[in-house]
Structures are given as C-alpha cells and as structure tokens.
C-alpha atoms as a PDB file:
ATOM      1  CA  UNK A   1      86.205 131.987 131.321  1.00  0.00           C
ATOM      2  CA  UNK A   2      89.717 133.332 131.149  1.00  0.00           C
ATOM      3  CA  UNK A   3      91.840 132.875 127.951  1.00  0.00           C
ATOM      4  CA  UNK A   4      94.513 130.693 129.499  1.00  0.00           C
ATOM      5  CA  UNK A   5      92.024 128.268 130.922  1.00  0.00           C
ATOM      6  CA  UNK A   6      90.184 128.078 127.566  1.00  0.00           C
ATOM      7  CA  UNK A   7      93.446 127.368 125.590  1.00  0.00           C
ATOM      8  CA  UNK A   8      94.221 124.559 128.091  1.00  0.00           C
ATOM      9  CA  UNK A   9      90.899 123.027 127.468  1.00  0.00           C
ATOM     10  CA  UNK A  10      91.239 123.230 123.717  1.00  0.00           C
ATOM     11  CA  UNK A  11      94.669 121.632 123.866  1.00  0.00           C
ATOM     12  CA  UNK A  12      93.405 118.853 125.934  1.00  0.00           C
ATOM     13  CA  UNK A  13      90.474 118.220 123.561  1.00  0.00           C
ATOM     14  CA  UNK A  14      93.020 118.172 120.691  1.00  0.00           C
ATOM     15  CA  UNK A  15      94.918 115.624 122.601  1.00  0.00           C
ATOM     16  CA  UNK A  16      91.980 113.440 123.061  1.00  0.00           C
ATOM     17  CA  UNK A  17      91.179 113.623 119.452  1.00  0.00           C
ATOM     18  CA  UNK A  18      94.757 112.764 118.324  1.00  0.00           C
ATOM     19  CA  UNK A  19      94.911 109.855 120.622  1.00  0.00           C
ATOM     20  CA  UNK A  20      91.429 108.723 120.039  1.00  0.00           C
ATOM     21  CA  UNK A  21      90.338 108.950 123.668  1.00  0.00           C
ATOM     22  CA  UNK A  22      86.935 110.283 122.615  1.00  0.00           C
ATOM     23  CA  UNK A  23      85.106 109.823 119.331  1.00  0.00           C
ATOM     24  CA  UNK A  24      86.066 112.273 116.664  1.00  0.00           C
ATOM     25  CA  UNK A  25      82.470 113.763 116.482  1.00  0.00           C
ATOM     26  CA  UNK A  26      82.581 114.563 120.221  1.00  0.00           C
ATOM     27  CA  UNK A  27      85.921 116.138 119.921  1.00  0.00           C
ATOM     28  CA  UNK A  28      84.820 118.263 116.969  1.00  0.00           C
ATOM     29  CA  UNK A  29      81.724 119.337 118.887  1.00  0.00           C
ATOM     30  CA  UNK A  30      83.767 120.345 121.982  1.00  0.00           C
ATOM     31  CA  UNK A  31      86.363 122.192 119.929  1.00  0.00           C
ATOM     32  CA  UNK A  32      83.630 124.085 118.052  1.00  0.00           C
ATOM     33  CA  UNK A  33      82.071 124.853 121.478  1.00  0.00           C
ATOM     34  CA  UNK A  34      85.194 126.131 123.146  1.00  0.00           C
ATOM     35  CA  UNK A  35      86.682 127.878 120.091  1.00  0.00           C
ATOM     36  CA  UNK A  36      83.372 129.453 119.302  1.00  0.00           C
ATOM     37  CA  UNK A  37      83.142 127.928 115.782  1.00  0.00           C
ATOM     38  CA  UNK A  38      86.777 128.474 114.892  1.00  0.00           C
ATOM     39  CA  UNK A  39      87.752 124.843 115.210  1.00  0.00           C
ATOM     40  CA  UNK A  40      91.264 123.691 114.541  1.00  0.00           C
ATOM     41  CA  UNK A  41      93.770 124.644 111.940  1.00  0.00           C
ATOM     42  CA  UNK A  42      92.719 122.655 108.832  1.00  0.00           C
ATOM     43  CA  UNK A  43      95.444 123.543 106.221  1.00  0.00           C
ATOM     44  CA  UNK A  44      98.194 121.609 107.991  1.00  0.00           C
ATOM     45  CA  UNK A  45      95.895 118.542 108.004  1.00  0.00           C
ATOM     46  CA  UNK A  46      95.366 118.866 104.173  1.00  0.00           C
ATOM     47  CA  UNK A  47      99.154 118.864 103.572  1.00  0.00           C
ATOM     48  CA  UNK A  48      99.678 115.822 105.843  1.00  0.00           C
ATOM     49  CA  UNK A  49      96.940 114.023 104.042  1.00  0.00           C
ATOM     50  CA  UNK A  50      98.531 114.713 100.722  1.00  0.00           C
ATOM     51  CA  UNK A  51     101.841 113.423 101.907  1.00  0.00           C
ATOM     52  CA  UNK A  52     100.128 110.365 103.257  1.00  0.00           C
ATOM     53  CA  UNK A  53      98.489 109.657  99.863  1.00  0.00           C
ATOM     54  CA  UNK A  54     101.759 110.225  98.045  1.00  0.00           C
ATOM     55  CA  UNK A  55     103.724 107.977 100.229  1.00  0.00           C
ATOM     56  CA  UNK A  56     101.050 105.156 100.299  1.00  0.00           C
ATOM     57  CA  UNK A  57     101.148 105.271  96.433  1.00  0.00           C
ATOM     58  CA  UNK A  58     104.926 105.185  96.481  1.00  0.00           C
ATOM     59  CA  UNK A  59     104.919 102.149  98.765  1.00  0.00           C
ATOM     60  CA  UNK A  60     102.408 100.283  96.672  1.00  0.00           C
ATOM     61  CA  UNK A  61     104.672 100.698  93.616  1.00  0.00           C
ATOM     62  CA  UNK A  62     107.514  98.646  95.313  1.00  0.00           C
ATOM     63  CA  UNK A  63     106.064  95.248  94.490  1.00  0.00           C
ATOM     64  CA  UNK A  64     105.752  95.841  90.786  1.00  0.00           C
ATOM     65  CA  UNK A  65     109.206  97.594  90.645  1.00  0.00           C
ATOM     66  CA  UNK A  66     110.734  94.599  92.483  1.00  0.00           C
ATOM     67  CA  UNK A  67     109.200  92.197  89.949  1.00  0.00           C
ATOM     68  CA  UNK A  68     110.622  94.282  87.079  1.00  0.00           C
ATOM     69  CA  UNK A  69     114.083  94.466  88.655  1.00  0.00           C
ATOM     70  CA  UNK A  70     114.285  90.794  89.552  1.00  0.00           C
ATOM     71  CA  UNK A  71     112.877  89.191  86.482  1.00  0.00           C
ATOM     72  CA  UNK A  72     113.353  91.578  83.612  1.00  0.00           C
ATOM     73  CA  UNK A  73     116.781  93.193  84.160  1.00  0.00           C
ATOM     74  CA  UNK A  74     120.290  91.774  84.106  1.00  0.00           C
ATOM     75  CA  UNK A  75     121.258  93.647  87.380  1.00  0.00           C
ATOM     76  CA  UNK A  76     123.608  91.559  89.542  1.00  0.00           C
ATOM     77  CA  UNK A  77     121.856  89.467  92.199  1.00  0.00           C
ATOM     78  CA  UNK A  78     123.372  91.271  95.098  1.00  0.00           C
ATOM     79  CA  UNK A  79     122.078  94.634  93.784  1.00  0.00           C
ATOM     80  CA  UNK A  80     118.678  93.114  93.441  1.00  0.00           C
ATOM     81  CA  UNK A  81     118.606  91.963  96.990  1.00  0.00           C
ATOM     82  CA  UNK A  82     119.941  95.329  98.222  1.00  0.00           C
ATOM     83  CA  UNK A  83     117.071  97.061  96.375  1.00  0.00           C
ATOM     84  CA  UNK A  84     114.508  94.611  97.841  1.00  0.00           C
ATOM     85  CA  UNK A  85     116.006  95.252 101.335  1.00  0.00           C
ATOM     86  CA  UNK A  86     115.793  99.046 100.723  1.00  0.00           C
ATOM     87  CA  UNK A  87     112.108  98.644  99.704  1.00  0.00           C
ATOM     88  CA  UNK A  88     111.386  96.638 102.793  1.00  0.00           C
ATOM     89  CA  UNK A  89     113.032  99.276 105.064  1.00  0.00           C
ATOM     90  CA  UNK A  90     110.987 102.048 103.394  1.00  0.00           C
ATOM     91  CA  UNK A  91     107.881 100.013 103.795  1.00  0.00           C
ATOM     92  CA  UNK A  92     108.745  99.501 107.497  1.00  0.00           C
ATOM     93  CA  UNK A  93     109.213 103.285 107.810  1.00  0.00           C
ATOM     94  CA  UNK A  94     105.770 103.708 106.110  1.00  0.00           C
ATOM     95  CA  UNK A  95     104.148 101.299 108.558  1.00  0.00           C
ATOM     96  CA  UNK A  96     105.472 103.331 111.539  1.00  0.00           C
ATOM     97  CA  UNK A  97     104.379 106.615 109.903  1.00  0.00           C
ATOM     98  CA  UNK A  98     100.847 105.266 109.109  1.00  0.00           C
ATOM     99  CA  UNK A  99     100.570 103.454 112.396  1.00  0.00           C
ATOM    100  CA  UNK A 100     100.139 106.663 114.298  1.00  0.00           C
ATOM    101  CA  UNK A 101      97.302 108.046 112.130  1.00  0.00           C
ATOM    102  CA  UNK A 102      95.649 104.634 111.325  1.00  0.00           C
ATOM    103  CA  UNK A 103      95.361 105.535 107.649  1.00  0.00           C
ATOM    104  CA  UNK A 104      96.793 103.532 104.919  1.00  0.00           C
ATOM    105  CA  UNK A 105      98.548 101.192 107.462  1.00  0.00           C
ATOM    106  CA  UNK A 106      97.449  98.146 105.497  1.00  0.00           C
ATOM    107  CA  UNK A 107      99.445  99.152 102.327  1.00  0.00           C
ATOM    108  CA  UNK A 108     102.916  98.859 103.969  1.00  0.00           C
ATOM    109  CA  UNK A 109     101.956  95.697 105.841  1.00  0.00           C
ATOM    110  CA  UNK A 110     100.907  93.857 102.654  1.00  0.00           C
ATOM    111  CA  UNK A 111     103.895  95.239 100.684  1.00  0.00           C
ATOM    112  CA  UNK A 112     106.346  94.114 103.458  1.00  0.00           C
ATOM    113  CA  UNK A 113     104.714  90.611 103.384  1.00  0.00           C
ATOM    114  CA  UNK A 114     105.062  90.319  99.584  1.00  0.00           C
ATOM    115  CA  UNK A 115     108.542  91.719  99.504  1.00  0.00           C
ATOM    116  CA  UNK A 116     109.842  89.392 102.227  1.00  0.00           C
ATOM    117  CA  UNK A 117     108.336  86.529 100.294  1.00  0.00           C
ATOM    118  CA  UNK A 118     109.932  87.521  97.108  1.00  0.00           C
ATOM    119  CA  UNK A 119     113.259  88.141  98.802  1.00  0.00           C
ATOM    120  CA  UNK A 120     113.115  84.709 100.349  1.00  0.00           C
ATOM    121  CA  UNK A 121     112.253  82.937  97.146  1.00  0.00           C
ATOM    122  CA  UNK A 122     114.965  84.751  95.164  1.00  0.00           C
ATOM    123  CA  UNK A 123     117.503  83.958  97.954  1.00  0.00           C
ATOM    124  CA  UNK A 124     116.652  80.299  97.975  1.00  0.00           C
ATOM    125  CA  UNK A 125     116.813  80.208  94.134  1.00  0.00           C
ATOM    126  CA  UNK A 126     120.307  81.897  94.083  1.00  0.00           C
ATOM    127  CA  UNK A 127     121.566  79.696  96.864  1.00  0.00           C
ATOM    128  CA  UNK A 128     120.060  76.499  95.213  1.00  0.00           C
ATOM    129  CA  UNK A 129     118.545  75.079  98.209  1.00  0.00           C
ATOM    130  CA  UNK A 130     116.589  71.885  98.094  1.00  0.00           C
ATOM    131  CA  UNK A 131     112.793  71.651  98.223  1.00  0.00           C
ATOM    132  CA  UNK A 132     112.459  70.677 101.889  1.00  0.00           C
ATOM    133  CA  UNK A 133     114.166  73.933 103.178  1.00  0.00           C
ATOM    134  CA  UNK A 134     112.247  76.059 100.536  1.00  0.00           C
ATOM    135  CA  UNK A 135     109.041  74.432 101.838  1.00  0.00           C
ATOM    136  CA  UNK A 136     109.885  75.132 105.432  1.00  0.00           C
ATOM    137  CA  UNK A 137     110.771  78.768 104.918  1.00  0.00           C
ATOM    138  CA  UNK A 138     107.753  79.682 102.815  1.00  0.00           C
ATOM    139  CA  UNK A 139     105.373  77.720 105.057  1.00  0.00           C
ATOM    140  CA  UNK A 140     106.804  79.663 108.050  1.00  0.00           C
ATOM    141  CA  UNK A 141     106.128  82.978 106.271  1.00  0.00           C
ATOM    142  CA  UNK A 142     102.587  82.013 105.430  1.00  0.00           C
ATOM    143  CA  UNK A 143     101.990  80.942 108.985  1.00  0.00           C
ATOM    144  CA  UNK A 144     103.350  84.235 110.145  1.00  0.00           C
ATOM    145  CA  UNK A 145     100.982  86.028 107.766  1.00  0.00           C
ATOM    146  CA  UNK A 146      98.069  83.988 109.123  1.00  0.00           C
ATOM    147  CA  UNK A 147      99.113  84.485 112.792  1.00  0.00           C
ATOM    148  CA  UNK A 148      99.560  88.339 112.346  1.00  0.00           C
ATOM    149  CA  UNK A 149      96.304  88.528 110.452  1.00  0.00           C
ATOM    150  CA  UNK A 150      94.452  86.705 113.182  1.00  0.00           C
ATOM    151  CA  UNK A 151      95.971  88.684 116.024  1.00  0.00           C
ATOM    152  CA  UNK A 152      95.489  92.118 114.500  1.00  0.00           C
ATOM    153  CA  UNK A 153      92.051  91.151 112.823  1.00  0.00           C
ATOM    154  CA  UNK A 154      93.511  91.895 109.425  1.00  0.00           C
ATOM    155  CA  UNK A 155      91.551  89.367 107.417  1.00  0.00           C
ATOM    156  CA  UNK A 156      93.249  90.135 104.124  1.00  0.00           C
ATOM    157  CA  UNK A 157      96.410  88.513 105.524  1.00  0.00           C
ATOM    158  CA  UNK A 158      94.526  85.436 106.546  1.00  0.00           C
ATOM    159  CA  UNK A 159      92.946  85.112 103.100  1.00  0.00           C
ATOM    160  CA  UNK A 160      96.297  85.808 101.401  1.00  0.00           C
ATOM    161  CA  UNK A 161      97.961  83.097 103.683  1.00  0.00           C
ATOM    162  CA  UNK A 162      95.208  80.553 102.748  1.00  0.00           C
ATOM    163  CA  UNK A 163      95.389  81.287  98.995  1.00  0.00           C
ATOM    164  CA  UNK A 164      99.222  81.286  99.156  1.00  0.00           C
ATOM    165  CA  UNK A 165      99.207  77.889 100.962  1.00  0.00           C
ATOM    166  CA  UNK A 166      96.763  76.431  98.360  1.00  0.00           C
ATOM    167  CA  UNK A 167      99.032  77.683  95.416  1.00  0.00           C
ATOM    168  CA  UNK A 168     102.181  76.421  97.203  1.00  0.00           C
ATOM    169  CA  UNK A 169     100.779  72.941  97.921  1.00  0.00           C
ATOM    170  CA  UNK A 170      99.319  72.690  94.361  1.00  0.00           C
ATOM    171  CA  UNK A 171     102.784  73.737  92.992  1.00  0.00           C
ATOM    172  CA  UNK A 172     104.457  70.986  95.042  1.00  0.00           C
ATOM    173  CA  UNK A 173     101.911  68.351  93.917  1.00  0.00           C
ATOM    174  CA  UNK A 174     102.257  69.235  90.248  1.00  0.00           C
ATOM    175  CA  UNK A 175     105.984  68.951  90.380  1.00  0.00           C
END
C-alpha cells in the first residue's frame, strides 16, 4: 500500500476515534494495524489530560471561594456579584472545553448550577424581595435542574433538585 493512502486511512481512523464514530478499542486496533504498532502520538494527550485535571480542580474551587467571599469578607456587594459572574463565565467556558472530550463535564455543570443559585439568593437578599418572588425564582431553578438532569440523564442533578426542594419547603414551613 502506498504511503499517501496509508496516511489518509490513519487520519480517517483518528477522526473516527475523536468523534466516537467507532469504539475506542476498534480504533486503537486499526491504528496499530495501519501504523505497524507505532500508534498515535501519546505525549500531547498526556499534556491535555494534565490541563483538564488542573482546570477541573480550579472550577471545583469556585463554590468554596464564592462562599468565602460572600459570607466572610466585607467586600462590596457589586464586587461580590461581579466575582460570582466571572466564576459562572469561567465554568461555562469549562463546560464547552470538557464537552468535546466528555471528561470532567459534570464538574462545570454542577458548579454552574450552584453558583447561579448562590447568585440568585444573594441578589434577592440585597434587593429585599418578599418571600413569594424568592419562592418562585428558586423553584424555577430547581425545576431547571430537574429538567436538565432528566433530559441529559444526569441523575445527580435530579437528586440535587429533589434534596434542594425538600430543604427549601422545610425552610418555608419552619419559618
């Protein structure tokens, strides 16, 4: 087989593997067959994995940092909200980065859900809205968690929504 044809086949198998058109084991076997045991370049994959792990850890720290900033500092409220907004945007970026490779995708999803909830509660607290509007906004968010969890088959969002609704209703009853 000529070299150009072999390179085309190897590139096509790499495309299948990246886009999950064939199971990874099949692609690995075909790559080993056509590259005569050489396989793909592995070092770049290791660097990308290290970046993914670092970025996932960074995103998971956004929730504790947000709690610290909101409840334990005397930073002005508009700066607190700006910081939470920045964290939400970084988490959205993380979602789009991890969406392609399907690893760590659940970390930014959960962090976004929690940060938007914290942002909403703090905004309602600052604006001094009454209980009915607070109930409506938080219930809407909980229903969104449940709906997204149901549609994407992310059961942790469903469980979180149910637990959050129980806590929220118990809080209203005890008030």
